[in-house]
Amino acid sequence: MKTTEIKTNGYNLLTQKNSAPVRMWTNGVPVDPKAITQLQNTAKMPFVFKHLAIMPDVHVGKDSAIGSVIPAAVGVDIGCGMIAVRTSLVASDLPDNLLNIRHAVEVAVPHRRNINRGGRDKGSWHGAPEMRKRFTVSDQKRATAHVECRKDSDVIDEIPMAYKDIDAVMAAQSSLVEVIHTLRQVVCVKG
């Protein structure tokens, strides 16, 4: 099937016969060809209204690509446990060692390790098996040196390099968003 890609102001437009157009805010961000195939298939569905919108964090999903804007098409757990809360604290108010804070969060907040051992989608660009081949725990320790988090082989799939570059992701959707604040992790609970 022939697909046409047109670069427009702010997004790429994929079109194919008998299909809704696919608007992809992915300039400068790699997109897995398998995700493109999923997007093309989804765009043929009768419930797609006007066009399919694709965000720069797009990646292969089980049946539908993650990062496509279709309410409930890929689940209702989008957000991946992230939260930002404005407090009166500044960095100098935090203790030098954040391990006790991480442990308190792990005890208080349910997460994969204390719920079940089932599968999960984390929005990562590469899967766990590939991450285990490409990176070591030493790589993970270097990449997360500034963050209090687990640094072991069970969470190697959470290494920052498994995810798309956040600056490229934000740049790709600059016609949609305005960056007001940039957040950096200090404590991270995974796995």
C-alpha atoms as a PDB file:
ATOM      1  CA  MET A   1       0.000   0.000   0.000  1.00  0.00           C
ATOM      2  CA  LYS A   2       1.336   3.400  -0.951  1.00  0.00           C
ATOM      3  CA  THR A   3       1.849   5.909   1.838  1.00  0.00           C
ATOM      4  CA  THR A   4       2.752   9.523   1.201  1.00  0.00           C
ATOM      5  CA  GLU A   5       4.702  11.543   3.767  1.00  0.00           C
ATOM      6  CA  ILE A   6       4.496  15.323   3.621  1.00  0.00           C
ATOM      7  CA  LYS A   7       6.508  17.569   5.940  1.00  0.00           C
ATOM      8  CA  THR A   8       4.390  20.492   7.107  1.00  0.00           C
ATOM      9  CA  ASN A   9       4.848  23.295   9.593  1.00  0.00           C
ATOM     10  CA  GLY A  10       5.221  21.528  12.934  1.00  0.00           C
ATOM     11  CA  TYR A  11       4.316  17.966  11.987  1.00  0.00           C
ATOM     12  CA  ASN A  12       4.720  15.258   9.360  1.00  0.00           C
ATOM     13  CA  LEU A  13       1.590  14.179   7.522  1.00  0.00           C
ATOM     14  CA  LEU A  14       1.186  10.561   6.430  1.00  0.00           C
ATOM     15  CA  THR A  15      -1.596   9.823   3.978  1.00  0.00           C
ATOM     16  CA  GLN A  16      -2.795   6.639   2.352  1.00  0.00           C
ATOM     17  CA  LYS A  17      -5.880   5.656   0.376  1.00  0.00           C
ATOM     18  CA  ASN A  18      -9.044   4.836   2.356  1.00  0.00           C
ATOM     19  CA  SER A  19      -7.529   6.089   5.580  1.00  0.00           C
ATOM     20  CA  ALA A  20      -7.626   9.109   7.851  1.00  0.00           C
ATOM     21  CA  PRO A  21      -4.500  11.258   7.623  1.00  0.00           C
ATOM     22  CA  VAL A  22      -1.857  10.730  10.309  1.00  0.00           C
ATOM     23  CA  ARG A  23      -0.372  13.913  11.799  1.00  0.00           C
ATOM     24  CA  MET A  24       2.929  13.094  13.497  1.00  0.00           C
ATOM     25  CA  TRP A  25       4.690  15.596  15.766  1.00  0.00           C
ATOM     26  CA  THR A  26       7.925  13.618  15.455  1.00  0.00           C
ATOM     27  CA  ASN A  27      10.389  15.911  13.653  1.00  0.00           C
ATOM     28  CA  GLY A  28      13.881  15.009  14.873  1.00  0.00           C
ATOM     29  CA  VAL A  29      12.649  11.998  16.874  1.00  0.00           C
ATOM     30  CA  PRO A  30      13.104   8.413  15.624  1.00  0.00           C
ATOM     31  CA  VAL A  31       9.942   6.366  15.007  1.00  0.00           C
ATOM     32  CA  ASP A  32      10.032   2.574  14.848  1.00  0.00           C
ATOM     33  CA  PRO A  33       8.771   1.304  11.449  1.00  0.00           C
ATOM     34  CA  LYS A  34       6.537  -1.184  13.315  1.00  0.00           C
ATOM     35  CA  ALA A  35       4.844   1.764  15.038  1.00  0.00           C
ATOM     36  CA  ILE A  36       4.269   3.375  11.611  1.00  0.00           C
ATOM     37  CA  THR A  37       2.557   0.166  10.457  1.00  0.00           C
ATOM     38  CA  GLN A  38       0.363   0.191  13.572  1.00  0.00           C
ATOM     39  CA  LEU A  39      -0.516   3.837  12.956  1.00  0.00           C
ATOM     40  CA  GLN A  40      -1.434   3.134   9.330  1.00  0.00           C
ATOM     41  CA  ASN A  41      -3.701   0.296  10.461  1.00  0.00           C
ATOM     42  CA  THR A  42      -5.315   2.411  13.179  1.00  0.00           C
ATOM     43  CA  ALA A  43      -5.925   5.284  10.744  1.00  0.00           C
ATOM     44  CA  LYS A  44      -8.198   2.957   8.731  1.00  0.00           C
ATOM     45  CA  MET A  45     -10.548   2.439  11.681  1.00  0.00           C
ATOM     46  CA  PRO A  46     -14.016   3.992  11.269  1.00  0.00           C
ATOM     47  CA  PHE A  47     -13.929   5.749  14.661  1.00  0.00           C
ATOM     48  CA  VAL A  48     -10.933   7.961  13.798  1.00  0.00           C
ATOM     49  CA  PHE A  49     -12.284  11.510  13.657  1.00  0.00           C
ATOM     50  CA  LYS A  50     -10.692  13.776  10.991  1.00  0.00           C
ATOM     51  CA  HIS A  51      -7.107  12.632  11.596  1.00  0.00           C
ATOM     52  CA  LEU A  52      -4.889  10.578  13.876  1.00  0.00           C
ATOM     53  CA  ALA A  53      -2.579  12.711  16.043  1.00  0.00           C
ATOM     54  CA  ILE A  54       0.774  11.209  17.009  1.00  0.00           C
ATOM     55  CA  MET A  55       2.971  12.562  19.769  1.00  0.00           C
ATOM     56  CA  PRO A  56       6.790  12.335  19.682  1.00  0.00           C
ATOM     57  CA  ASP A  57       6.932   9.612  22.351  1.00  0.00           C
ATOM     58  CA  VAL A  58       5.244   7.190  19.923  1.00  0.00           C
ATOM     59  CA  HIS A  59       6.380   3.581  20.112  1.00  0.00           C
ATOM     60  CA  VAL A  60       5.094   0.099  19.336  1.00  0.00           C
ATOM     61  CA  GLY A  61       2.139  -1.030  21.422  1.00  0.00           C
ATOM     62  CA  LYS A  62       0.355  -4.358  21.686  1.00  0.00           C
ATOM     63  CA  ASP A  63      -2.137  -3.578  18.908  1.00  0.00           C
ATOM     64  CA  SER A  64      -2.152   0.202  18.646  1.00  0.00           C
ATOM     65  CA  ALA A  65       0.901   2.436  18.805  1.00  0.00           C
ATOM     66  CA  ILE A  66       1.466   4.157  22.126  1.00  0.00           C
ATOM     67  CA  GLY A  67       1.609   7.915  21.634  1.00  0.00           C
ATOM     68  CA  SER A  68      -1.445   8.095  19.385  1.00  0.00           C
ATOM     69  CA  VAL A  69      -4.167  10.394  20.649  1.00  0.00           C
ATOM     70  CA  ILE A  70      -7.227   8.166  20.733  1.00  0.00           C
ATOM     71  CA  PRO A  71      -9.009   8.083  24.102  1.00  0.00           C
ATOM     72  CA  ALA A  72      -8.732   4.609  25.672  1.00  0.00           C
ATOM     73  CA  ALA A  73      -7.186   3.002  22.560  1.00  0.00           C
ATOM     74  CA  VAL A  74      -4.024   2.136  24.442  1.00  0.00           C
ATOM     75  CA  GLY A  75      -5.332   1.947  27.985  1.00  0.00           C
ATOM     76  CA  VAL A  76      -6.170   4.391  30.688  1.00  0.00           C
ATOM     77  CA  ASP A  77      -2.859   4.209  32.537  1.00  0.00           C
ATOM     78  CA  ILE A  78      -1.144   6.903  30.478  1.00  0.00           C
ATOM     79  CA  GLY A  79       1.044   9.044  32.661  1.00  0.00           C
ATOM     80  CA  CYS A  80       3.206   6.144  33.806  1.00  0.00           C
ATOM     81  CA  GLY A  81       2.977   7.081  37.467  1.00  0.00           C
ATOM     82  CA  MET A  82       4.431  10.532  36.952  1.00  0.00           C
ATOM     83  CA  ILE A  83       3.400  13.482  39.081  1.00  0.00           C
ATOM     84  CA  ALA A  84       4.746  16.966  39.573  1.00  0.00           C
ATOM     85  CA  VAL A  85       3.840  18.897  42.692  1.00  0.00           C
ATOM     86  CA  ARG A  86       4.929  22.449  43.459  1.00  0.00           C
ATOM     87  CA  THR A  87       6.219  22.705  47.014  1.00  0.00           C
ATOM     88  CA  SER A  88       8.020  25.320  49.035  1.00  0.00           C
ATOM     89  CA  LEU A  89      11.130  23.099  49.170  1.00  0.00           C
ATOM     90  CA  VAL A  90      14.320  23.925  47.337  1.00  0.00           C
ATOM     91  CA  ALA A  91      17.244  21.586  46.676  1.00  0.00           C
ATOM     92  CA  SER A  92      19.137  22.764  49.756  1.00  0.00           C
ATOM     93  CA  ASP A  93      16.172  21.677  51.946  1.00  0.00           C
ATOM     94  CA  LEU A  94      16.647  18.033  50.955  1.00  0.00           C
ATOM     95  CA  PRO A  95      18.915  15.682  52.878  1.00  0.00           C
ATOM     96  CA  ASP A  96      22.222  14.759  51.250  1.00  0.00           C
ATOM     97  CA  ASN A  97      21.144  11.110  51.104  1.00  0.00           C
ATOM     98  CA  LEU A  98      17.675  10.522  49.614  1.00  0.00           C
ATOM     99  CA  LEU A  99      17.604   6.737  50.178  1.00  0.00           C
ATOM    100  CA  ASN A 100      15.206   6.974  53.136  1.00  0.00           C
ATOM    101  CA  ILE A 101      12.819   9.090  51.080  1.00  0.00           C
ATOM    102  CA  ARG A 102      12.866   6.533  48.242  1.00  0.00           C
ATOM    103  CA  HIS A 103      12.277   3.669  50.689  1.00  0.00           C
ATOM    104  CA  ALA A 104       9.351   5.521  52.283  1.00  0.00           C
ATOM    105  CA  VAL A 105       7.753   6.026  48.853  1.00  0.00           C
ATOM    106  CA  GLU A 106       8.299   2.358  47.921  1.00  0.00           C
ATOM    107  CA  VAL A 107       6.537   1.258  51.114  1.00  0.00           C
ATOM    108  CA  ALA A 108       3.661   3.749  50.826  1.00  0.00           C
ATOM    109  CA  VAL A 109       2.919   3.648  47.086  1.00  0.00           C
ATOM    110  CA  PRO A 110       1.961   0.434  45.276  1.00  0.00           C
ATOM    111  CA  HIS A 111       4.216  -0.318  42.335  1.00  0.00           C
ATOM    112  CA  ARG A 112       5.062  -3.305  40.176  1.00  0.00           C
ATOM    113  CA  ARG A 113       7.394  -5.023  42.631  1.00  0.00           C
ATOM    114  CA  ASN A 114       4.801  -5.142  45.392  1.00  0.00           C
ATOM    115  CA  ILE A 115       1.682  -5.675  43.261  1.00  0.00           C
ATOM    116  CA  ASN A 116       2.450  -8.454  40.757  1.00  0.00           C
ATOM    117  CA  ARG A 117       5.014  -9.679  38.277  1.00  0.00           C
ATOM    118  CA  GLY A 118       2.948  -8.970  35.160  1.00  0.00           C
ATOM    119  CA  GLY A 119       4.020  -7.106  32.064  1.00  0.00           C
ATOM    120  CA  ARG A 120       4.127  -3.353  31.836  1.00  0.00           C
ATOM    121  CA  ASP A 121       4.585  -0.667  29.247  1.00  0.00           C
ATOM    122  CA  LYS A 122       6.854   2.134  30.322  1.00  0.00           C
ATOM    123  CA  GLY A 123       6.952   4.238  27.199  1.00  0.00           C
ATOM    124  CA  SER A 124      10.459   3.117  26.479  1.00  0.00           C
ATOM    125  CA  TRP A 125      11.845   3.277  22.994  1.00  0.00           C
ATOM    126  CA  HIS A 126      13.675  -0.050  23.403  1.00  0.00           C
ATOM    127  CA  GLY A 127      12.503  -3.173  25.230  1.00  0.00           C
ATOM    128  CA  ALA A 128      14.066  -4.825  28.261  1.00  0.00           C
ATOM    129  CA  PRO A 129      15.836  -7.644  26.355  1.00  0.00           C
ATOM    130  CA  GLU A 130      17.574  -5.144  24.086  1.00  0.00           C
ATOM    131  CA  MET A 131      18.528  -2.943  27.040  1.00  0.00           C
ATOM    132  CA  ARG A 132      20.077  -5.928  28.831  1.00  0.00           C
ATOM    133  CA  LYS A 133      22.199  -6.632  25.747  1.00  0.00           C
ATOM    134  CA  ARG A 134      23.247  -3.029  25.204  1.00  0.00           C
ATOM    135  CA  PHE A 135      23.825  -1.751  28.727  1.00  0.00           C
ATOM    136  CA  THR A 136      25.294  -2.857  32.043  1.00  0.00           C
ATOM    137  CA  VAL A 137      24.523  -1.967  35.620  1.00  0.00           C
ATOM    138  CA  SER A 138      27.674   0.201  35.512  1.00  0.00           C
ATOM    139  CA  ASP A 139      26.130   2.147  32.592  1.00  0.00           C
ATOM    140  CA  GLN A 140      22.942   2.527  34.602  1.00  0.00           C
ATOM    141  CA  LYS A 141      24.838   3.794  37.656  1.00  0.00           C
ATOM    142  CA  ARG A 142      26.639   6.411  35.548  1.00  0.00           C
ATOM    143  CA  ALA A 143      23.434   7.524  33.803  1.00  0.00           C
ATOM    144  CA  THR A 144      21.533   7.894  37.091  1.00  0.00           C
ATOM    145  CA  ALA A 145      24.347   9.145  39.328  1.00  0.00           C
ATOM    146  CA  HIS A 146      22.342  12.292  40.150  1.00  0.00           C
ATOM    147  CA  VAL A 147      19.151  10.352  41.001  1.00  0.00           C
ATOM    148  CA  GLU A 148      18.285   8.245  44.045  1.00  0.00           C
ATOM    149  CA  CYS A 149      16.862   5.107  42.438  1.00  0.00           C
ATOM    150  CA  ARG A 150      17.389   1.386  42.138  1.00  0.00           C
ATOM    151  CA  LYS A 151      20.521   0.611  40.158  1.00  0.00           C
ATOM    152  CA  ASP A 152      20.395  -3.121  39.532  1.00  0.00           C
ATOM    153  CA  SER A 153      19.866  -5.584  36.687  1.00  0.00           C
ATOM    154  CA  ASP A 154      16.129  -5.961  37.400  1.00  0.00           C
ATOM    155  CA  VAL A 155      15.496  -2.371  36.297  1.00  0.00           C
ATOM    156  CA  ILE A 156      18.070  -2.084  33.484  1.00  0.00           C
ATOM    157  CA  ASP A 157      15.143  -1.552  31.077  1.00  0.00           C
ATOM    158  CA  GLU A 158      14.553   1.744  32.912  1.00  0.00           C
ATOM    159  CA  ILE A 159      17.982   3.115  31.982  1.00  0.00           C
ATOM    160  CA  PRO A 160      17.551   6.663  30.642  1.00  0.00           C
ATOM    161  CA  MET A 161      18.898   5.618  27.230  1.00  0.00           C
ATOM    162  CA  ALA A 162      15.844   3.320  26.809  1.00  0.00           C
ATOM    163  CA  TYR A 163      13.712   6.421  26.384  1.00  0.00           C
ATOM    164  CA  LYS A 164      13.556   8.998  23.646  1.00  0.00           C
ATOM    165  CA  ASP A 165      15.547  12.159  24.280  1.00  0.00           C
ATOM    166  CA  ILE A 166      13.192  14.504  26.141  1.00  0.00           C
ATOM    167  CA  ASP A 167      14.633  17.631  24.537  1.00  0.00           C
ATOM    168  CA  ALA A 168      13.992  16.177  21.055  1.00  0.00           C
ATOM    169  CA  VAL A 169      10.485  15.093  22.108  1.00  0.00           C
ATOM    170  CA  MET A 170       9.638  18.588  23.354  1.00  0.00           C
ATOM    171  CA  ALA A 171      11.159  20.232  20.268  1.00  0.00           C
ATOM    172  CA  ALA A 172       9.081  17.971  17.997  1.00  0.00           C
ATOM    173  CA  GLN A 173       5.874  19.243  19.571  1.00  0.00           C
ATOM    174  CA  SER A 174       6.889  22.883  19.931  1.00  0.00           C
ATOM    175  CA  SER A 175       3.863  23.941  17.872  1.00  0.00           C
ATOM    176  CA  LEU A 176       1.645  22.311  20.526  1.00  0.00           C
ATOM    177  CA  VAL A 177       3.299  23.180  23.826  1.00  0.00           C
ATOM    178  CA  GLU A 178       5.209  25.901  25.595  1.00  0.00           C
ATOM    179  CA  VAL A 179       7.855  24.773  28.072  1.00  0.00           C
ATOM    180  CA  ILE A 180       7.370  26.773  31.253  1.00  0.00           C
ATOM    181  CA  HIS A 181       9.409  24.682  33.686  1.00  0.00           C
ATOM    182  CA  THR A 182      11.927  21.884  33.265  1.00  0.00           C
ATOM    183  CA  LEU A 183      11.851  19.212  35.938  1.00  0.00           C
ATOM    184  CA  ARG A 184      14.787  16.995  36.853  1.00  0.00           C
ATOM    185  CA  GLN A 185      14.524  13.812  38.886  1.00  0.00           C
ATOM    186  CA  VAL A 186      16.040  13.571  42.317  1.00  0.00           C
ATOM    187  CA  VAL A 187      14.223  10.416  43.485  1.00  0.00           C
ATOM    188  CA  CYS A 188      12.753   7.764  41.202  1.00  0.00           C
ATOM    189  CA  VAL A 189      10.764   4.662  42.183  1.00  0.00           C
ATOM    190  CA  LYS A 190      10.764   1.947  39.523  1.00  0.00           C
ATOM    191  CA  GLY A 191      10.080  -1.740  39.269  1.00  0.00           C
END
